Amino acid sequence: MDDMMEKLVNTSFYPVVIMGLVVISALFVLMFRFADEVNLRMVLLMSLMISIVSILLVRFIVYKKKYGGF
């Protein structure tokens, strides 16, 4: 697990941000599909997943800014 995190930290900034935005967009689409089906449990799960991915993305951006990844 540490090796994977080290590779992620050493990668450039833009691919990680673009990948995070794509994942968040896909989760939003899934959330709205589940909302059309009136599946509250899955809507809440998708919103939780969006929050987790967003927090990880912001932490990555702050780390890169703090330790000179730009």
C-alpha atoms as a PDB file:
ATOM      1  CA  MET A   1       0.000   0.000   0.000  1.00  0.00           C
ATOM      2  CA  ASP A   2       2.836   2.391   0.812  1.00  0.00           C
ATOM      3  CA  ASP A   3       4.404   1.740  -2.587  1.00  0.00           C
ATOM      4  CA  MET A   4       1.161   2.723  -4.321  1.00  0.00           C
ATOM      5  CA  MET A   5       0.890   5.950  -2.296  1.00  0.00           C
ATOM      6  CA  GLU A   6       4.526   6.765  -3.064  1.00  0.00           C
ATOM      7  CA  LYS A   7       3.878   6.335  -6.791  1.00  0.00           C
ATOM      8  CA  LEU A   8       0.799   8.566  -6.554  1.00  0.00           C
ATOM      9  CA  VAL A   9       2.737  11.288  -4.743  1.00  0.00           C
ATOM     10  CA  ASN A  10       5.546  11.148  -7.290  1.00  0.00           C
ATOM     11  CA  THR A  11       3.240  11.451 -10.313  1.00  0.00           C
ATOM     12  CA  SER A  12       2.577  14.791 -11.911  1.00  0.00           C
ATOM     13  CA  PHE A  13      -0.240  17.000 -10.752  1.00  0.00           C
ATOM     14  CA  TYR A  14      -2.601  17.235 -13.723  1.00  0.00           C
ATOM     15  CA  PRO A  15      -3.305  13.542 -14.493  1.00  0.00           C
ATOM     16  CA  VAL A  16      -4.314  12.892 -10.881  1.00  0.00           C
ATOM     17  CA  VAL A  17      -6.625  15.921 -10.789  1.00  0.00           C
ATOM     18  CA  ILE A  18      -8.216  15.012 -14.134  1.00  0.00           C
ATOM     19  CA  MET A  19      -8.725  11.418 -13.013  1.00  0.00           C
ATOM     20  CA  GLY A  20     -10.290  12.608  -9.753  1.00  0.00           C
ATOM     21  CA  LEU A  21     -12.693  14.901 -11.609  1.00  0.00           C
ATOM     22  CA  VAL A  22     -13.690  12.065 -13.945  1.00  0.00           C
ATOM     23  CA  VAL A  23     -14.395   9.777 -10.983  1.00  0.00           C
ATOM     24  CA  ILE A  24     -16.431  12.484  -9.238  1.00  0.00           C
ATOM     25  CA  SER A  25     -18.415  13.137 -12.432  1.00  0.00           C
ATOM     26  CA  ALA A  26     -19.171   9.434 -12.840  1.00  0.00           C
ATOM     27  CA  LEU A  27     -20.317   9.227  -9.226  1.00  0.00           C
ATOM     28  CA  PHE A  28     -22.615  12.232  -9.756  1.00  0.00           C
ATOM     29  CA  VAL A  29     -24.183  10.548 -12.778  1.00  0.00           C
ATOM     30  CA  LEU A  30     -24.724   7.354 -10.790  1.00  0.00           C
ATOM     31  CA  MET A  31     -26.186   9.320  -7.907  1.00  0.00           C
ATOM     32  CA  PHE A  32     -28.753  10.980 -10.166  1.00  0.00           C
ATOM     33  CA  ARG A  33     -29.653   7.640 -11.762  1.00  0.00           C
ATOM     34  CA  PHE A  34     -30.269   6.151  -8.325  1.00  0.00           C
ATOM     35  CA  ALA A  35     -32.306   9.233  -7.405  1.00  0.00           C
ATOM     36  CA  ASP A  36     -34.551   8.627 -10.433  1.00  0.00           C
ATOM     37  CA  GLU A  37     -35.083   5.076  -9.191  1.00  0.00           C
ATOM     38  CA  VAL A  38     -35.902   6.463  -5.700  1.00  0.00           C
ATOM     39  CA  ASN A  39     -33.151   4.427  -4.065  1.00  0.00           C
ATOM     40  CA  LEU A  40     -32.227   6.539  -1.052  1.00  0.00           C
ATOM     41  CA  ARG A  41     -29.591   4.170   0.297  1.00  0.00           C
ATOM     42  CA  MET A  42     -27.563   4.250  -2.922  1.00  0.00           C
ATOM     43  CA  VAL A  43     -27.948   8.042  -3.246  1.00  0.00           C
ATOM     44  CA  LEU A  44     -26.505   8.457   0.244  1.00  0.00           C
ATOM     45  CA  LEU A  45     -23.719   5.998  -0.546  1.00  0.00           C
ATOM     46  CA  MET A  46     -22.831   7.847  -3.752  1.00  0.00           C
ATOM     47  CA  SER A  47     -22.784  11.200  -1.943  1.00  0.00           C
ATOM     48  CA  LEU A  48     -20.477   9.686   0.666  1.00  0.00           C
ATOM     49  CA  MET A  49     -18.184   8.361  -2.083  1.00  0.00           C
ATOM     50  CA  ILE A  50     -18.127  11.801  -3.763  1.00  0.00           C
ATOM     51  CA  SER A  51     -17.133  13.360  -0.444  1.00  0.00           C
ATOM     52  CA  ILE A  52     -14.337  10.854   0.115  1.00  0.00           C
ATOM     53  CA  VAL A  53     -12.896  11.300  -3.383  1.00  0.00           C
ATOM     54  CA  SER A  54     -13.137  15.086  -3.049  1.00  0.00           C
ATOM     55  CA  ILE A  55     -11.326  15.058   0.293  1.00  0.00           C
ATOM     56  CA  LEU A  56      -8.561  12.843  -1.106  1.00  0.00           C
ATOM     57  CA  LEU A  57      -8.206  15.107  -4.128  1.00  0.00           C
ATOM     58  CA  VAL A  58      -7.943  18.239  -1.971  1.00  0.00           C
ATOM     59  CA  ARG A  59      -5.396  16.560   0.305  1.00  0.00           C
ATOM     60  CA  PHE A  60      -3.322  15.632  -2.750  1.00  0.00           C
ATOM     61  CA  ILE A  61      -3.450  19.203  -4.057  1.00  0.00           C
ATOM     62  CA  VAL A  62      -2.440  20.642  -0.673  1.00  0.00           C
ATOM     63  CA  TYR A  63       0.428  18.152  -0.379  1.00  0.00           C
ATOM     64  CA  LYS A  64       1.700  19.005  -3.852  1.00  0.00           C
ATOM     65  CA  LYS A  65       1.448  22.731  -3.138  1.00  0.00           C
ATOM     66  CA  LYS A  66       3.156  22.447   0.226  1.00  0.00           C
ATOM     67  CA  TYR A  67       6.030  20.246  -0.924  1.00  0.00           C
ATOM     68  CA  GLY A  68       6.556  21.742  -4.355  1.00  0.00           C
ATOM     69  CA  GLY A  69       4.798  19.654  -6.934  1.00  0.00           C
ATOM     70  CA  PHE A  70       3.620  22.452  -9.193  1.00  0.00           C
END
